[in-house]
Protein backbone atom coordinates (compact mmCIF):
# COMPACT_ATOMS: atom_id res chain seq x y z
CA UNK A 1 -19.35 -2.51 -2.84
CA UNK A 2 -19.28 -5.14 0.22
CA UNK A 3 -20.95 -8.38 0.23
CA UNK A 4 -22.14 -10.14 3.80
CA UNK A 5 -21.02 -13.70 3.75
CA UNK A 6 -21.86 -16.78 5.72
CA UNK A 7 -19.85 -19.91 6.24
CA UNK A 8 -21.73 -23.04 6.12
CA UNK A 9 -20.83 -26.68 6.41
CA UNK A 10 -20.97 -26.66 3.00
CA UNK A 11 -19.12 -23.68 1.72
CA UNK A 12 -20.77 -20.41 2.29
CA UNK A 13 -23.43 -18.03 1.46
CA UNK A 14 -23.03 -14.62 0.12
CA UNK A 15 -25.87 -11.12 0.61
CA UNK A 16 -25.19 -7.91 -0.84
CA UNK A 17 -27.18 -6.27 2.34
CA UNK A 18 -26.40 -7.20 5.99
CA UNK A 19 -30.08 -7.64 6.83
CA UNK A 20 -30.73 -10.16 4.27
CA UNK A 21 -27.56 -11.95 5.73
CA UNK A 22 -28.95 -11.55 9.50
CA UNK A 23 -32.40 -12.66 8.23
CA UNK A 24 -31.15 -16.04 6.25
CA UNK A 25 -28.40 -16.92 9.24
CA UNK A 26 -31.25 -16.26 12.17
CA UNK A 27 -33.48 -19.18 9.94
CA UNK A 28 -30.60 -21.33 8.93
CA UNK A 29 -27.73 -21.28 10.74
CA UNK A 30 -28.21 -19.61 14.43
CA UNK A 31 -25.16 -18.34 15.56
CA UNK A 32 -23.34 -18.17 12.65
CA UNK A 33 -20.80 -15.48 12.02
CA UNK A 34 -21.36 -13.13 9.50
CA UNK A 35 -18.42 -11.51 7.83
CA UNK A 36 -17.98 -8.16 5.68
CA UNK A 37 -16.12 -8.69 2.28
CA UNK A 38 -14.98 -5.44 0.86
CA UNK A 39 -15.65 -6.20 -3.08
CA UNK A 40 -13.14 -4.29 -5.58
CA UNK A 41 -15.01 -2.21 -8.16
CA UNK A 42 -14.32 -3.32 -11.19
CA UNK A 43 -12.96 -1.32 -14.23
CA UNK A 44 -15.28 0.61 -16.04
CA UNK A 45 -15.59 -0.92 -19.77
CA UNK A 46 -13.89 0.73 -22.23
CA UNK A 47 -13.14 0.57 -25.86
CA UNK A 48 -11.28 1.66 -28.96
CA UNK A 49 -12.90 4.45 -31.24
CA UNK A 50 -11.28 5.30 -34.79
CA UNK A 51 -10.42 8.60 -35.07
CA UNK A 52 -12.28 8.52 -38.76
CA UNK A 53 -15.53 7.28 -36.48
CA UNK A 54 -15.05 10.21 -34.09
CA UNK A 55 -14.54 12.83 -36.47
CA UNK A 56 -17.47 11.55 -38.90
CA UNK A 57 -19.75 11.61 -35.68
CA UNK A 58 -18.42 15.60 -35.44
CA UNK A 59 -19.46 16.20 -38.68
CA UNK A 60 -22.75 14.78 -38.35
CA UNK A 61 -23.31 17.31 -35.57
CA UNK A 62 -22.01 20.22 -37.62
CA UNK A 63 -19.37 20.86 -35.05
CA UNK A 64 -16.10 20.47 -37.68
CA UNK A 65 -15.06 24.03 -37.43
CA UNK A 66 -15.47 24.18 -33.60
CA UNK A 67 -13.46 20.62 -33.29
CA UNK A 68 -10.70 22.35 -35.63
CA UNK A 69 -10.09 25.31 -33.44
CA UNK A 70 -10.11 23.46 -30.45
CA UNK A 71 -7.19 21.11 -31.96
CA UNK A 72 -5.51 24.12 -33.25
CA UNK A 73 -5.61 25.42 -29.50
CA UNK A 74 -4.00 22.20 -28.37
CA UNK A 75 -0.44 22.36 -27.27
CA UNK A 76 2.00 21.43 -30.22
CA UNK A 77 2.56 17.82 -28.58
CA UNK A 78 -1.15 17.06 -28.33
CA UNK A 79 -1.63 18.30 -31.67
CA UNK A 80 1.20 15.96 -32.61
CA UNK A 81 -0.72 12.90 -30.98
CA UNK A 82 -4.20 13.86 -32.53
CA UNK A 83 -2.73 13.88 -35.70
CA UNK A 84 -0.54 10.71 -35.66
CA UNK A 85 -3.08 8.61 -33.23
CA UNK A 86 -5.48 6.17 -35.33
CA UNK A 87 -7.95 5.79 -32.28
CA UNK A 88 -8.75 6.77 -28.72
CA UNK A 89 -9.90 5.14 -25.69
CA UNK A 90 -13.77 5.70 -25.15
CA UNK A 91 -12.36 7.15 -21.73
CA UNK A 92 -9.87 9.50 -22.98
CA UNK A 93 -10.40 12.51 -20.44
CA UNK A 94 -9.10 15.08 -22.93
CA UNK A 95 -11.23 13.96 -25.57
CA UNK A 96 -14.44 13.88 -23.16
CA UNK A 97 -13.76 17.40 -21.96
CA UNK A 98 -13.17 18.64 -25.69
CA UNK A 99 -17.02 17.07 -26.20
CA UNK A 100 -18.33 18.77 -23.74
CA UNK A 101 -16.45 21.84 -24.46
CA UNK A 102 -17.95 21.98 -27.73
CA UNK A 103 -21.48 21.16 -26.56
CA UNK A 104 -21.22 17.37 -27.83
CA UNK A 105 -22.14 14.35 -26.03
CA UNK A 106 -19.16 12.28 -25.46
CA UNK A 107 -21.43 9.13 -24.85
CA UNK A 108 -22.13 9.41 -28.75
CA UNK A 109 -19.04 10.60 -30.17
CA UNK A 110 -17.22 8.21 -28.23
CA UNK A 111 -19.76 5.57 -28.73
CA UNK A 112 -18.82 1.80 -29.60
CA UNK A 113 -16.93 1.99 -32.94
CA UNK A 114 -18.52 -0.56 -35.23
CA UNK A 115 -15.38 -0.42 -37.71
CA UNK A 116 -12.82 -1.59 -34.67
CA UNK A 117 -13.35 -5.01 -32.85
């Protein structure tokens, strides 16, 4: 995201578009310089989801046999981690891919967990 900043005697004012910055400048500060500032993109929000909650949601969707087959087809090390982790991040790429492969909506299965803060 780019912001357009005009320095003034009292500090600065920022606009989201160059056109808005130019319109303001032309009325309030003729000749002032407009500086484009690239703002960092914020990291997407993420949260923890317990394995129990996810499995309850998968069960409610009637997909436990398919989930069991998917887990059984994972490499040994991944199965070990799945078995021993109590929760996962909501943006876990492997779980998002598994949900998609099973025809489950990752936004539903990995939604906020009411039991984890």
